[in-house]
C-alpha atoms as a PDB file:
ATOM      1  CA  MET A   1     -11.313 -10.778  28.256  1.00  0.00           C
ATOM      2  CA  LYS A   2     -14.170 -10.594  25.842  1.00  0.00           C
ATOM      3  CA  ARG A   3     -16.203  -7.393  25.672  1.00  0.00           C
ATOM      4  CA  ALA A   4     -19.859  -7.648  25.267  1.00  0.00           C
ATOM      5  CA  LEU A   5     -21.366  -6.051  22.081  1.00  0.00           C
ATOM      6  CA  GLU A   6     -23.494  -2.980  22.795  1.00  0.00           C
ATOM      7  CA  LEU A   7     -26.838  -2.776  21.109  1.00  0.00           C
ATOM      8  CA  GLN A   8     -25.645  -5.000  18.351  1.00  0.00           C
ATOM      9  CA  GLU A   9     -27.602  -7.931  16.969  1.00  0.00           C
ATOM     10  CA  THR A  10     -26.933 -11.047  14.883  1.00  0.00           C
ATOM     11  CA  VAL A  11     -28.879 -11.689  11.744  1.00  0.00           C
ATOM     12  CA  GLY A  12     -29.130 -15.391  11.270  1.00  0.00           C
ATOM     13  CA  LEU A  13     -30.055 -16.659   7.795  1.00  0.00           C
ATOM     14  CA  PHE A  14     -32.086 -19.486   6.441  1.00  0.00           C
ATOM     15  CA  GLU A  15     -34.048 -20.119   9.595  1.00  0.00           C
ATOM     16  CA  PRO A  16     -36.996 -22.471   8.967  1.00  0.00           C
ATOM     17  CA  THR A  17     -39.504 -20.510  10.873  1.00  0.00           C
ATOM     18  CA  ASN A  18     -40.324 -16.976  11.525  1.00  0.00           C
ATOM     19  CA  GLY A  19     -37.920 -15.556   8.949  1.00  0.00           C
ATOM     20  CA  THR A  20     -34.632 -14.251  10.200  1.00  0.00           C
ATOM     21  CA  GLN A  21     -33.463 -15.030  13.846  1.00  0.00           C
ATOM     22  CA  ILE A  22     -31.965 -12.174  15.823  1.00  0.00           C
ATOM     23  CA  PHE A  23     -29.890 -12.735  18.945  1.00  0.00           C
ATOM     24  CA  GLN A  24     -26.919 -11.333  20.801  1.00  0.00           C
ATOM     25  CA  PRO A  25     -23.564 -13.006  19.788  1.00  0.00           C
ATOM     26  CA  LYS A  26     -22.596 -13.291  23.439  1.00  0.00           C
ATOM     27  CA  HIS A  27     -25.697 -15.510  23.812  1.00  0.00           C
ATOM     28  CA  ALA A  28     -24.951 -17.829  20.872  1.00  0.00           C
ATOM     29  CA  VAL A  29     -24.251 -21.454  21.863  1.00  0.00           C
ATOM     30  CA  THR A  30     -21.555 -23.531  20.254  1.00  0.00           C
ATOM     31  CA  SER A  31     -23.960 -25.036  17.755  1.00  0.00           C
ATOM     32  CA  ASP A  32     -24.846 -21.690  16.366  1.00  0.00           C
ATOM     33  CA  TRP A  33     -21.247 -20.936  15.478  1.00  0.00           C
ATOM     34  CA  VAL A  34     -20.549 -24.319  13.999  1.00  0.00           C
ATOM     35  CA  LYS A  35     -23.803 -24.199  11.912  1.00  0.00           C
ATOM     36  CA  ALA A  36     -22.616 -20.688  10.704  1.00  0.00           C
ATOM     37  CA  ASN A  37     -24.236 -19.080   7.668  1.00  0.00           C
ATOM     38  CA  LEU A  38     -25.094 -15.859   9.798  1.00  0.00           C
ATOM     39  CA  ILE A  39     -24.272 -12.251   9.809  1.00  0.00           C
ATOM     40  CA  LEU A  40     -23.151 -10.327  12.837  1.00  0.00           C
ATOM     41  CA  ASN A  41     -24.132  -6.634  12.893  1.00  0.00           C
ATOM     42  CA  ALA A  42     -21.259  -5.275  14.924  1.00  0.00           C
ATOM     43  CA  ASP A  43     -17.908  -3.778  15.008  1.00  0.00           C
ATOM     44  CA  ALA A  44     -15.416  -6.411  13.546  1.00  0.00           C
ATOM     45  CA  GLU A  45     -12.969  -6.538  16.409  1.00  0.00           C
ATOM     46  CA  GLN A  46     -15.749  -6.721  19.126  1.00  0.00           C
ATOM     47  CA  ALA A  47     -17.679  -9.345  17.150  1.00  0.00           C
ATOM     48  CA  LEU A  48     -14.494 -11.490  16.692  1.00  0.00           C
ATOM     49  CA  GLN A  49     -14.063 -11.574  20.495  1.00  0.00           C
ATOM     50  CA  GLU A  50     -17.320 -13.439  20.797  1.00  0.00           C
ATOM     51  CA  ILE A  51     -16.419 -16.165  18.323  1.00  0.00           C
ATOM     52  CA  PRO A  52     -14.665 -19.426  19.578  1.00  0.00           C
ATOM     53  CA  ASP A  53     -10.930 -20.168  19.010  1.00  0.00           C
ATOM     54  CA  ASN A  54      -9.936 -22.182  15.944  1.00  0.00           C
ATOM     55  CA  LEU A  55     -13.317 -22.072  14.342  1.00  0.00           C
ATOM     56  CA  VAL A  56     -12.906 -20.961  10.736  1.00  0.00           C
ATOM     57  CA  GLN A  57     -10.826 -22.473   7.933  1.00  0.00           C
ATOM     58  CA  ALA A  58     -10.045 -19.191   6.133  1.00  0.00           C
ATOM     59  CA  ILE A  59     -10.706 -15.430   6.306  1.00  0.00           C
ATOM     60  CA  VAL A  60     -11.534 -13.817   2.991  1.00  0.00           C
ATOM     61  CA  THR A  61     -12.058 -10.132   3.175  1.00  0.00           C
ATOM     62  CA  SER A  62     -11.556  -6.501   1.858  1.00  0.00           C
ATOM     63  CA  PRO A  63     -11.542  -3.919   4.559  1.00  0.00           C
ATOM     64  CA  PRO A  64     -12.499  -0.296   3.789  1.00  0.00           C
ATOM     65  CA  TYR A  65      -9.458   1.371   2.134  1.00  0.00           C
ATOM     66  CA  TYR A  66      -7.880   4.172   3.837  1.00  0.00           C
ATOM     67  CA  GLY A  67      -9.360   7.567   3.205  1.00  0.00           C
ATOM     68  CA  GLN A  68     -11.637   6.413   0.295  1.00  0.00           C
ATOM     69  CA  ARG A  69     -15.130   6.567   1.613  1.00  0.00           C
ATOM     70  CA  ASP A  70     -17.373   7.558   4.619  1.00  0.00           C
ATOM     71  CA  TYR A  71     -19.829   4.783   5.062  1.00  0.00           C
ATOM     72  CA  GLY A  72     -21.812   6.950   7.565  1.00  0.00           C
ATOM     73  CA  VAL A  73     -21.571   4.597  10.573  1.00  0.00           C
ATOM     74  CA  ALA A  74     -19.713   5.291  13.921  1.00  0.00           C
ATOM     75  CA  GLY A  75     -16.599   3.293  14.652  1.00  0.00           C
ATOM     76  CA  GLN A  76     -15.824   2.481  10.869  1.00  0.00           C
ATOM     77  CA  ILE A  77     -12.467   1.609   9.640  1.00  0.00           C
ATOM     78  CA  GLY A  78     -10.954   3.853   6.986  1.00  0.00           C
ATOM     79  CA  ILE A  79     -11.453   7.320   8.274  1.00  0.00           C
ATOM     80  CA  GLU A  80      -8.643   7.344  10.880  1.00  0.00           C
ATOM     81  CA  LYS A  81      -6.605  10.620  11.076  1.00  0.00           C
ATOM     82  CA  SER A  82      -3.468   9.021   9.715  1.00  0.00           C
ATOM     83  CA  PRO A  83      -2.140   5.954   7.867  1.00  0.00           C
ATOM     84  CA  THR A  84      -0.417   4.761  10.983  1.00  0.00           C
ATOM     85  CA  ALA A  85      -3.716   4.863  12.926  1.00  0.00           C
ATOM     86  CA  TYR A  86      -5.469   2.909  10.128  1.00  0.00           C
ATOM     87  CA  ILE A  87      -2.723   0.255  10.026  1.00  0.00           C
ATOM     88  CA  THR A  88      -2.815  -0.137  13.899  1.00  0.00           C
ATOM     89  CA  HIS A  89      -6.584  -0.515  13.788  1.00  0.00           C
ATOM     90  CA  LEU A  90      -6.364  -3.276  11.138  1.00  0.00           C
ATOM     91  CA  VAL A  91      -3.415  -5.098  12.880  1.00  0.00           C
ATOM     92  CA  SER A  92      -5.406  -5.150  15.948  1.00  0.00           C
ATOM     93  CA  THR A  93      -8.533  -6.593  14.356  1.00  0.00           C
ATOM     94  CA  PHE A  94      -6.785  -9.176  12.339  1.00  0.00           C
ATOM     95  CA  ARG A  95      -4.837 -10.214  15.461  1.00  0.00           C
ATOM     96  CA  GLU A  96      -8.196 -11.170  16.945  1.00  0.00           C
ATOM     97  CA  ALA A  97      -9.125 -12.847  13.586  1.00  0.00           C
ATOM     98  CA  ARG A  98      -6.026 -15.077  13.921  1.00  0.00           C
ATOM     99  CA  ARG A  99      -7.310 -16.484  17.182  1.00  0.00           C
ATOM    100  CA  VAL A 100     -10.602 -17.355  15.465  1.00  0.00           C
ATOM    101  CA  LEU A 101      -8.877 -19.046  12.515  1.00  0.00           C
ATOM    102  CA  ARG A 102      -7.835 -22.773  12.630  1.00  0.00           C
ATOM    103  CA  GLU A 103      -4.131 -23.546  12.862  1.00  0.00           C
ATOM    104  CA  ASP A 104      -4.224 -24.758   9.301  1.00  0.00           C
ATOM    105  CA  GLY A 105      -6.100 -21.716   8.095  1.00  0.00           C
ATOM    106  CA  THR A 106      -5.277 -18.799   5.852  1.00  0.00           C
ATOM    107  CA  LEU A 107      -6.149 -15.090   5.339  1.00  0.00           C
ATOM    108  CA  TRP A 108      -6.848 -13.607   1.981  1.00  0.00           C
ATOM    109  CA  LEU A 109      -6.747  -9.860   2.230  1.00  0.00           C
ATOM    110  CA  ASN A 110      -7.695  -7.413  -0.592  1.00  0.00           C
ATOM    111  CA  LEU A 111      -6.402  -3.776  -0.245  1.00  0.00           C
ATOM    112  CA  GLY A 112      -6.305  -0.844  -2.589  1.00  0.00           C
ATOM    113  CA  ASP A 113      -3.922   2.212  -2.344  1.00  0.00           C
ATOM    114  CA  LYS A 114      -4.319   5.762  -1.744  1.00  0.00           C
ATOM    115  CA  TYR A 115      -2.851   8.973  -3.054  1.00  0.00           C
ATOM    116  CA  GLN A 116      -2.285  11.852  -0.695  1.00  0.00           C
ATOM    117  CA  ASP A 117      -0.640  15.220  -1.663  1.00  0.00           C
ATOM    118  CA  ASN A 118       0.248  13.742  -4.973  1.00  0.00           C
ATOM    119  CA  ALA A 119       2.124  10.795  -3.337  1.00  0.00           C
ATOM    120  CA  MET A 120       1.157   7.116  -3.300  1.00  0.00           C
ATOM    121  CA  LEU A 121       0.923   6.025   0.300  1.00  0.00           C
ATOM    122  CA  GLY A 122       1.610   2.283  -0.418  1.00  0.00           C
ATOM    123  CA  MET A 123      -1.086   1.265   2.114  1.00  0.00           C
ATOM    124  CA  PRO A 124      -1.412  -2.343   0.859  1.00  0.00           C
ATOM    125  CA  TRP A 125       2.286  -3.245   1.584  1.00  0.00           C
ATOM    126  CA  ARG A 126       2.414  -1.195   4.633  1.00  0.00           C
ATOM    127  CA  VAL A 127      -0.550  -3.221   6.185  1.00  0.00           C
ATOM    128  CA  ALA A 128       0.902  -6.517   4.887  1.00  0.00           C
ATOM    129  CA  LEU A 129       4.259  -5.851   6.414  1.00  0.00           C
ATOM    130  CA  ALA A 130       2.658  -4.750   9.683  1.00  0.00           C
ATOM    131  CA  LEU A 131       0.659  -7.999   9.835  1.00  0.00           C
ATOM    132  CA  VAL A 132       3.937  -9.925   9.290  1.00  0.00           C
ATOM    133  CA  ASP A 133       5.563  -8.086  12.230  1.00  0.00           C
ATOM    134  CA  ASP A 134       2.392  -9.086  14.214  1.00  0.00           C
ATOM    135  CA  GLY A 135       2.852 -12.870  13.542  1.00  0.00           C
ATOM    136  CA  TRP A 136       1.285 -13.569  10.272  1.00  0.00           C
ATOM    137  CA  ILE A 137       3.151 -15.488   7.616  1.00  0.00           C
ATOM    138  CA  LEU A 138       2.928 -13.924   4.153  1.00  0.00           C
ATOM    139  CA  ARG A 139       2.716 -16.561   1.570  1.00  0.00           C
ATOM    140  CA  SER A 140       1.754 -14.820  -1.627  1.00  0.00           C
ATOM    141  CA  ASP A 141       0.908 -11.386  -3.165  1.00  0.00           C
ATOM    142  CA  VAL A 142      -1.685 -11.759  -5.982  1.00  0.00           C
ATOM    143  CA  ILE A 143      -2.138  -8.776  -8.452  1.00  0.00           C
ATOM    144  CA  TRP A 144      -5.844  -8.192  -9.188  1.00  0.00           C
ATOM    145  CA  HIS A 145      -5.851  -6.828 -12.641  1.00  0.00           C
ATOM    146  CA  LYS A 146      -9.017  -4.978 -13.431  1.00  0.00           C
ATOM    147  CA  PRO A 147      -9.695  -5.017 -17.184  1.00  0.00           C
ATOM    148  CA  ASN A 148     -12.656  -2.569 -16.807  1.00  0.00           C
ATOM    149  CA  ALA A 149     -10.905  -0.219 -14.270  1.00  0.00           C
ATOM    150  CA  MET A 150     -12.408   3.266 -13.821  1.00  0.00           C
ATOM    151  CA  PRO A 151     -10.837   5.741 -16.392  1.00  0.00           C
ATOM    152  CA  SER A 152      -8.657   8.345 -14.866  1.00  0.00           C
ATOM    153  CA  SER A 153      -7.782  11.901 -16.043  1.00  0.00           C
ATOM    154  CA  VAL A 154      -4.318  11.686 -14.494  1.00  0.00           C
ATOM    155  CA  LYS A 155      -1.503  12.820 -16.868  1.00  0.00           C
ATOM    156  CA  THR A 156       1.560  12.618 -14.508  1.00  0.00           C
ATOM    157  CA  ARG A 157       1.565   8.691 -13.905  1.00  0.00           C
ATOM    158  CA  PRO A 158       0.072   5.545 -15.412  1.00  0.00           C
ATOM    159  CA  THR A 159      -3.540   4.888 -14.760  1.00  0.00           C
ATOM    160  CA  THR A 160      -4.009   2.429 -11.940  1.00  0.00           C
ATOM    161  CA  ASP A 161      -5.767  -0.739 -12.890  1.00  0.00           C
ATOM    162  CA  HIS A 162      -4.754  -3.218 -10.247  1.00  0.00           C
ATOM    163  CA  GLU A 163      -5.063  -3.943  -6.558  1.00  0.00           C
ATOM    164  CA  TYR A 164      -3.451  -6.575  -4.207  1.00  0.00           C
ATOM    165  CA  MET A 165      -4.734  -9.766  -2.670  1.00  0.00           C
ATOM    166  CA  PHE A 166      -2.450 -10.882  -0.053  1.00  0.00           C
ATOM    167  CA  MET A 167      -2.410 -14.538   1.168  1.00  0.00           C
ATOM    168  CA  PHE A 168      -1.282 -15.152   4.756  1.00  0.00           C
ATOM    169  CA  SER A 169      -1.193 -18.281   6.831  1.00  0.00           C
ATOM    170  CA  LYS A 170      -1.301 -18.692  10.606  1.00  0.00           C
ATOM    171  CA  SER A 171       1.210 -21.541  10.594  1.00  0.00           C
ATOM    172  CA  LYS A 172       3.762 -22.997   8.328  1.00  0.00           C
ATOM    173  CA  SER A 173       1.538 -25.947   7.654  1.00  0.00           C
ATOM    174  CA  TYR A 174      -1.924 -25.070   6.191  1.00  0.00           C
ATOM    175  CA  HIS A 175      -4.712 -26.178   4.024  1.00  0.00           C
ATOM    176  CA  TYR A 176      -4.321 -25.417   0.258  1.00  0.00           C
ATOM    177  CA  ASP A 177      -5.899 -27.316  -2.444  1.00  0.00           C
ATOM    178  CA  ALA A 178      -3.785 -26.283  -5.588  1.00  0.00           C
ATOM    179  CA  ASP A 179      -5.737 -28.731  -7.839  1.00  0.00           C
ATOM    180  CA  ALA A 180      -9.116 -26.992  -7.102  1.00  0.00           C
ATOM    181  CA  ILE A 181      -7.984 -23.748  -8.838  1.00  0.00           C
ATOM    182  CA  ARG A 182      -5.501 -24.894 -11.566  1.00  0.00           C
ATOM    183  CA  GLU A 183      -5.686 -22.880 -14.787  1.00  0.00           C
ATOM    184  CA  PRO A 184      -5.234 -24.079 -18.413  1.00  0.00           C
ATOM    185  CA  HIS A 185      -1.882 -24.819 -19.797  1.00  0.00           C
ATOM    186  CA  VAL A 186      -0.497 -22.297 -22.162  1.00  0.00           C
ATOM    187  CA  THR A 187       2.291 -24.276 -23.744  1.00  0.00           C
ATOM    188  CA  PHE A 188      -0.014 -26.035 -26.241  1.00  0.00           C
ATOM    189  CA  SER A 189      -2.403 -23.200 -26.780  1.00  0.00           C
ATOM    190  CA  GLU A 190      -2.760 -20.374 -29.317  1.00  0.00           C
ATOM    191  CA  ASN A 191      -1.251 -18.234 -26.665  1.00  0.00           C
ATOM    192  CA  SER A 192       2.064 -20.200 -26.419  1.00  0.00           C
ATOM    193  CA  LYS A 193       5.239 -18.060 -26.933  1.00  0.00           C
ATOM    194  CA  MET A 194       7.368 -21.046 -27.762  1.00  0.00           C
ATOM    195  CA  ARG A 195       8.680 -21.501 -31.177  1.00  0.00           C
ATOM    196  CA  GLY A 196       6.485 -23.926 -32.954  1.00  0.00           C
ATOM    197  CA  GLY A 197       3.622 -23.571 -30.351  1.00  0.00           C
ATOM    198  CA  ARG A 198       1.340 -26.615 -30.130  1.00  0.00           C
ATOM    199  CA  ASN A 199       3.031 -28.336 -32.954  1.00  0.00           C
ATOM    200  CA  HIS A 200       5.552 -29.781 -30.459  1.00  0.00           C
ATOM    201  CA  LEU A 201       2.753 -31.914 -28.844  1.00  0.00           C
ATOM    202  CA  GLY A 202       3.416 -35.622 -29.245  1.00  0.00           C
ATOM    203  CA  LYS A 203       6.411 -35.129 -31.600  1.00  0.00           C
ATOM    204  CA  ARG A 204       9.615 -36.995 -30.995  1.00  0.00           C
ATOM    205  CA  GLY A 205      12.341 -34.405 -30.546  1.00  0.00           C
ATOM    206  CA  GLY A 206       9.681 -31.598 -30.941  1.00  0.00           C
ATOM    207  CA  THR A 207      11.006 -29.391 -28.131  1.00  0.00           C
ATOM    208  CA  PRO A 208      13.090 -26.357 -29.268  1.00  0.00           C
ATOM    209  CA  GLU A 209      14.870 -26.112 -26.011  1.00  0.00           C
ATOM    210  CA  GLU A 210      18.626 -26.911 -25.849  1.00  0.00           C
ATOM    211  CA  GLY A 211      19.454 -25.310 -22.582  1.00  0.00           C
ATOM    212  CA  LYS A 212      18.057 -26.071 -19.127  1.00  0.00           C
ATOM    213  CA  ASN A 213      15.885 -28.991 -20.344  1.00  0.00           C
ATOM    214  CA  GLY A 214      18.502 -30.376 -22.696  1.00  0.00           C
ATOM    215  CA  GLY A 215      18.800 -33.553 -20.688  1.00  0.00           C
ATOM    216  CA  ASN A 216      15.207 -34.220 -20.110  1.00  0.00           C
ATOM    217  CA  SER A 217      14.372 -37.394 -22.245  1.00  0.00           C
ATOM    218  CA  ASN A 218      10.713 -37.051 -21.348  1.00  0.00           C
ATOM    219  CA  LEU A 219      10.578 -33.648 -23.239  1.00  0.00           C
ATOM    220  CA  HIS A 220      12.821 -34.474 -26.036  1.00  0.00           C
ATOM    221  CA  ASN A 221      11.205 -37.673 -26.878  1.00  0.00           C
ATOM    222  CA  GLY A 222       8.048 -35.693 -27.612  1.00  0.00           C
ATOM    223  CA  ARG A 223       6.197 -36.986 -24.465  1.00  0.00           C
ATOM    224  CA  TRP A 224       5.093 -33.581 -23.268  1.00  0.00           C
ATOM    225  CA  ASP A 225       1.877 -34.620 -22.125  1.00  0.00           C
ATOM    226  CA  GLN A 226       3.491 -36.442 -19.101  1.00  0.00           C
ATOM    227  CA  ALA A 227       5.428 -33.289 -18.146  1.00  0.00           C
ATOM    228  CA  PHE A 228       2.194 -31.409 -17.284  1.00  0.00           C
ATOM    229  CA  HIS A 229      -0.448 -31.875 -14.793  1.00  0.00           C
ATOM    230  CA  PRO A 230      -3.662 -33.179 -16.343  1.00  0.00           C
ATOM    231  CA  LEU A 231      -5.880 -30.524 -14.545  1.00  0.00           C
ATOM    232  CA  GLY A 232      -3.843 -27.695 -15.622  1.00  0.00           C
ATOM    233  CA  ARG A 233      -0.969 -25.565 -14.524  1.00  0.00           C
ATOM    234  CA  ASN A 234      -0.570 -24.109 -11.043  1.00  0.00           C
ATOM    235  CA  LYS A 235      -2.511 -20.936 -10.405  1.00  0.00           C
ATOM    236  CA  ARG A 236      -0.528 -17.806 -11.278  1.00  0.00           C
ATOM    237  CA  THR A 237      -0.355 -14.559  -9.353  1.00  0.00           C
ATOM    238  CA  VAL A 238      -1.932 -12.226 -11.737  1.00  0.00           C
ATOM    239  CA  TRP A 239      -5.773 -12.545 -11.738  1.00  0.00           C
ATOM    240  CA  SER A 240      -7.582 -10.553 -14.486  1.00  0.00           C
ATOM    241  CA  VAL A 241     -11.139 -10.023 -13.081  1.00  0.00           C
ATOM    242  CA  PRO A 242     -13.666  -7.268 -13.951  1.00  0.00           C
ATOM    243  CA  LEU A 243     -14.973  -5.127 -11.144  1.00  0.00           C
ATOM    244  CA  GLY A 244     -17.953  -6.503  -9.287  1.00  0.00           C
ATOM    245  CA  LYS A 245     -21.490  -5.218  -9.627  1.00  0.00           C
ATOM    246  CA  PHE A 246     -24.583  -5.618  -7.516  1.00  0.00           C
ATOM    247  CA  ARG A 247     -27.676  -3.444  -8.422  1.00  0.00           C
ATOM    248  CA  GLU A 248     -28.692  -2.674  -4.941  1.00  0.00           C
ATOM    249  CA  ALA A 249     -25.229  -1.466  -3.845  1.00  0.00           C
ATOM    250  CA  HIS A 250     -24.020   2.044  -4.385  1.00  0.00           C
ATOM    251  CA  PHE A 251     -20.383   0.964  -3.440  1.00  0.00           C
ATOM    252  CA  ALA A 252     -17.860  -1.304  -5.093  1.00  0.00           C
ATOM    253  CA  VAL A 253     -18.600  -4.977  -4.423  1.00  0.00           C
ATOM    254  CA  PHE A 254     -16.138  -7.974  -4.152  1.00  0.00           C
ATOM    255  CA  PRO A 255     -16.167  -9.692  -7.533  1.00  0.00           C
ATOM    256  CA  GLU A 256     -17.230 -13.274  -7.170  1.00  0.00           C
ATOM    257  CA  LYS A 257     -14.641 -14.510  -9.552  1.00  0.00           C
ATOM    258  CA  LEU A 258     -11.890 -12.762  -7.561  1.00  0.00           C
ATOM    259  CA  ILE A 259     -12.664 -14.655  -4.364  1.00  0.00           C
ATOM    260  CA  GLU A 260     -13.706 -18.022  -5.835  1.00  0.00           C
ATOM    261  CA  PRO A 261     -10.099 -19.164  -6.071  1.00  0.00           C
ATOM    262  CA  CYS A 262      -9.494 -18.216  -2.402  1.00  0.00           C
ATOM    263  CA  ILE A 263     -12.325 -20.075  -1.005  1.00  0.00           C
ATOM    264  CA  LEU A 264     -11.934 -23.157  -3.329  1.00  0.00           C
ATOM    265  CA  ALA A 265      -8.139 -23.536  -2.535  1.00  0.00           C
ATOM    266  CA  ALA A 266      -8.411 -22.573   1.135  1.00  0.00           C
ATOM    267  CA  VAL A 267     -11.651 -24.150   2.407  1.00  0.00           C
ATOM    268  CA  PRO A 268     -12.790 -27.681   1.978  1.00  0.00           C
ATOM    269  CA  LYS A 269     -16.506 -28.770   1.532  1.00  0.00           C
ATOM    270  CA  ARG A 270     -18.568 -27.703   4.530  1.00  0.00           C
ATOM    271  CA  GLY A 271     -15.810 -25.653   5.979  1.00  0.00           C
ATOM    272  CA  ILE A 272     -16.397 -22.133   7.344  1.00  0.00           C
ATOM    273  CA  VAL A 273     -15.077 -18.951   5.789  1.00  0.00           C
ATOM    274  CA  LEU A 274     -15.156 -15.637   7.627  1.00  0.00           C
ATOM    275  CA  ASP A 275     -15.453 -12.215   6.271  1.00  0.00           C
ATOM    276  CA  PRO A 276     -15.122  -9.501   9.084  1.00  0.00           C
ATOM    277  CA  PHE A 277     -16.090  -6.641   6.611  1.00  0.00           C
ATOM    278  CA  PHE A 278     -19.028  -8.331   4.926  1.00  0.00           C
ATOM    279  CA  GLY A 279     -20.364  -5.529   2.839  1.00  0.00           C
ATOM    280  CA  SER A 280     -22.921  -6.833   0.287  1.00  0.00           C
ATOM    281  CA  GLY A 281     -22.182 -10.419   1.184  1.00  0.00           C
ATOM    282  CA  THR A 282     -20.241 -11.685  -1.796  1.00  0.00           C
ATOM    283  CA  THR A 283     -18.101 -13.898   0.445  1.00  0.00           C
ATOM    284  CA  GLY A 284     -21.109 -15.636   1.784  1.00  0.00           C
ATOM    285  CA  LEU A 285     -22.510 -15.933  -1.645  1.00  0.00           C
ATOM    286  CA  VAL A 286     -19.544 -17.691  -3.118  1.00  0.00           C
ATOM    287  CA  ALA A 287     -19.262 -19.877  -0.084  1.00  0.00           C
ATOM    288  CA  LEU A 288     -22.794 -21.052  -0.321  1.00  0.00           C
ATOM    289  CA  ASN A 289     -22.600 -21.595  -4.097  1.00  0.00           C
ATOM    290  CA  HIS A 290     -19.656 -23.906  -3.509  1.00  0.00           C
ATOM    291  CA  GLY A 291     -20.977 -25.988  -0.565  1.00  0.00           C
ATOM    292  CA  ARG A 292     -19.124 -24.051   2.115  1.00  0.00           C
ATOM    293  CA  ARG A 293     -20.417 -22.111   5.250  1.00  0.00           C
ATOM    294  CA  PHE A 294     -19.736 -18.548   6.174  1.00  0.00           C
ATOM    295  CA  ILE A 295     -19.807 -16.071   8.990  1.00  0.00           C
ATOM    296  CA  GLY A 296     -20.102 -12.432   8.052  1.00  0.00           C
ATOM    297  CA  ILE A 297     -19.469  -9.360  10.201  1.00  0.00           C
ATOM    298  CA  GLU A 298     -20.659  -5.952   9.140  1.00  0.00           C
ATOM    299  CA  LEU A 299     -20.992  -2.690  11.111  1.00  0.00           C
ATOM    300  CA  ASN A 300     -23.434  -1.029   8.896  1.00  0.00           C
ATOM    301  CA  PRO A 301     -27.059  -2.488   9.516  1.00  0.00           C
ATOM    302  CA  GLU A 302     -28.187  -1.334   6.019  1.00  0.00           C
ATOM    303  CA  TYR A 303     -25.446  -3.458   4.455  1.00  0.00           C
ATOM    304  CA  CYS A 304     -26.427  -6.465   6.646  1.00  0.00           C
ATOM    305  CA  GLU A 305     -30.019  -6.260   5.260  1.00  0.00           C
ATOM    306  CA  LEU A 306     -28.729  -5.707   1.702  1.00  0.00           C
ATOM    307  CA  ALA A 307     -26.499  -8.850   2.134  1.00  0.00           C
ATOM    308  CA  GLN A 308     -29.387 -10.959   3.672  1.00  0.00           C
ATOM    309  CA  ARG A 309     -31.580 -10.124   0.760  1.00  0.00           C
ATOM    310  CA  ARG A 310     -28.936 -10.967  -1.791  1.00  0.00           C
ATOM    311  CA  LEU A 311     -28.190 -14.414  -0.016  1.00  0.00           C
ATOM    312  CA  ILE A 312     -31.756 -15.265   0.272  1.00  0.00           C
ATOM    313  CA  THR A 313     -32.529 -14.617  -3.283  1.00  0.00           C
END
């Protein structure tokens, strides 16, 4: 049974008159949800209970990390007394999110780790495996490499400069547009590690390979161009993206370039992407910039206003 939100309001964006429309999610009609492009100022799990089944094409989000920051609002995720309580809280929230997700939808989940008593907790993978146990299908683990990671004074282990982005699906068959996020081929570039590099292109017998591709006449006759997709190679699982910045935010924000591939691959034009931990609104910004719609949920009312200003401007 759905629980009504207590003293929470919905901030609707881009209303043609009287600025921002404010209404209770439980009073929203079907057309409001389909139109999307709105922010729910509410607890994520409770707000999700007000959203219709099978509405959104993808979920792209980064929940508060365990034990990292107190956002100063009651009911926040991340300040639980134990890692187990944190994981349980997230699993319950994403179980409700799975109901809202279309059958052919995907979840893209960014999580960072935490050290406690000089030991790495392994929180990203602990959450990921708990979600698998709860019914999600894990499809990929992406390494977010941060070339401008914060310096560290640690001397007993390597400095951490990566986080995880997990890709889950609701079912075995799901929407994924690989062509939308292809990356440049390396084989014929200056970055090629192959002997002869780009000098192989178009040359009969130009390949140095004598092993696994030895019987491939398409390669050994110098027709390399036919062996590669014209739009580029399939997206790899290490994404090097600098940390995000937004001058009004005093906390880390989702980098736009980190979630662009998620939205482009997972959500067709005019599709809806959901972020249940909306923060400064990067998911909504990227969605709008690429012709998609969004629904954001954010517990902190100050962050809702910040995201609203960012999206309107």
